[in-house]
């Protein structure tokens, strides 16, 4: 289970870092095509950028959830049930 969570978190971090770059490039290409008179190409790029932005948002949320599950998976069950006790100061 930990190997799978690790791969999910790693993939989510990679997507969270790379998808904004793809989003910016596709949006810029759409603007360039629109300025050159290719309205159809610009519209396709704008819609593609919208999809990439939605996927990026989903990747950020999935990474946060997977990180939380990975942290909870690494905590022993005893620590989840019993809160830590203060140190005994009696001599």
Protein backbone atom coordinates (compact mmCIF):
# COMPACT_ATOMS: atom_id res chain seq x y z
CA UNK A 1 0.00 0.00 0.00
CA UNK A 2 2.82 2.40 0.83
CA UNK A 3 4.46 1.89 -2.56
CA UNK A 4 1.21 2.75 -4.31
CA UNK A 5 0.67 5.84 -2.15
CA UNK A 6 4.24 6.93 -2.78
CA UNK A 7 3.75 6.64 -6.56
CA UNK A 8 0.46 8.54 -6.39
CA UNK A 9 2.03 11.36 -4.37
CA UNK A 10 5.06 11.49 -6.67
CA UNK A 11 2.89 11.60 -9.79
CA UNK A 12 0.64 14.23 -8.22
CA UNK A 13 3.59 16.44 -7.35
CA UNK A 14 4.98 16.08 -10.88
CA UNK A 15 1.60 16.97 -12.40
CA UNK A 16 1.17 19.86 -9.98
CA UNK A 17 4.49 21.31 -11.13
CA UNK A 18 4.28 20.59 -14.86
CA UNK A 19 0.63 21.24 -15.72
CA UNK A 20 0.77 25.01 -15.03
CA UNK A 21 3.61 25.22 -17.57
CA UNK A 22 1.55 23.30 -20.15
CA UNK A 23 -1.44 25.50 -19.34
CA UNK A 24 0.56 28.68 -19.95
CA UNK A 25 2.07 27.43 -23.21
CA UNK A 26 -1.29 26.28 -24.62
CA UNK A 27 -2.99 29.52 -23.56
CA UNK A 28 -0.20 31.56 -25.14
CA UNK A 29 -0.43 29.53 -28.34
CA UNK A 30 -4.18 30.13 -28.42
CA UNK A 31 -3.63 33.87 -28.08
CA UNK A 32 -1.00 33.81 -30.81
CA UNK A 33 -3.24 31.88 -33.18
CA UNK A 34 -6.12 34.25 -32.45
CA UNK A 35 -3.92 37.26 -33.17
CA UNK A 36 -2.77 35.71 -36.46
CA UNK A 37 -6.35 35.30 -37.61
CA UNK A 38 -6.86 31.60 -36.89
CA UNK A 39 -9.95 31.90 -34.68
CA UNK A 40 -10.73 28.18 -34.79
CA UNK A 41 -7.21 27.19 -33.70
CA UNK A 42 -7.29 29.79 -30.94
CA UNK A 43 -10.62 28.49 -29.70
CA UNK A 44 -9.32 24.89 -29.64
CA UNK A 45 -6.25 25.99 -27.67
CA UNK A 46 -8.39 27.96 -25.21
CA UNK A 47 -10.64 24.97 -24.58
CA UNK A 48 -7.61 22.71 -24.24
CA UNK A 49 -6.17 25.13 -21.70
CA UNK A 50 -9.43 24.98 -19.77
CA UNK A 51 -9.21 21.17 -19.63
CA UNK A 52 -5.55 21.32 -18.58
CA UNK A 53 -6.44 23.79 -15.82
CA UNK A 54 -9.19 21.50 -14.53
CA UNK A 55 -6.84 18.51 -14.57
CA UNK A 56 -4.25 20.57 -12.69
CA UNK A 57 -6.79 21.45 -10.01
CA UNK A 58 -7.77 17.80 -9.65
CA UNK A 59 -4.07 16.82 -9.42
CA UNK A 60 -3.48 19.32 -6.60
CA UNK A 61 -6.48 18.02 -4.64
CA UNK A 62 -5.55 14.37 -5.25
CA UNK A 63 -1.98 15.04 -4.13
CA UNK A 64 -3.19 16.63 -0.90
CA UNK A 65 -5.54 13.72 -0.18
CA UNK A 66 -2.90 11.10 -1.02
CA UNK A 67 -0.36 12.88 1.19
CA UNK A 68 -2.81 12.86 4.08
CA UNK A 69 -3.54 9.17 3.60
CA UNK A 70 0.20 8.42 3.42
CA UNK A 71 0.81 10.28 6.68
CA UNK A 72 -2.06 8.50 8.41
CA UNK A 73 -0.83 5.17 7.05
CA UNK A 74 2.61 5.73 8.56
CA UNK A 75 1.31 6.48 12.08
CA UNK A 76 1.06 3.35 14.24
CA UNK A 77 -2.45 2.42 15.38
CA UNK A 78 -1.51 2.80 19.05
CA UNK A 79 -0.72 6.49 18.57
CA UNK A 80 -4.08 7.06 16.92
CA UNK A 81 -6.00 5.48 19.83
CA UNK A 82 -4.04 6.71 22.86
CA UNK A 83 -2.96 10.34 23.12
CA UNK A 84 0.60 10.84 24.30
CA UNK A 85 0.93 11.05 28.07
CA UNK A 86 2.82 13.84 29.79
CA UNK A 87 6.12 12.78 31.35
CA UNK A 88 5.97 11.61 34.93
CA UNK A 89 7.79 14.22 37.06
CA UNK A 90 7.69 12.29 40.33
CA UNK A 91 11.08 11.51 41.79
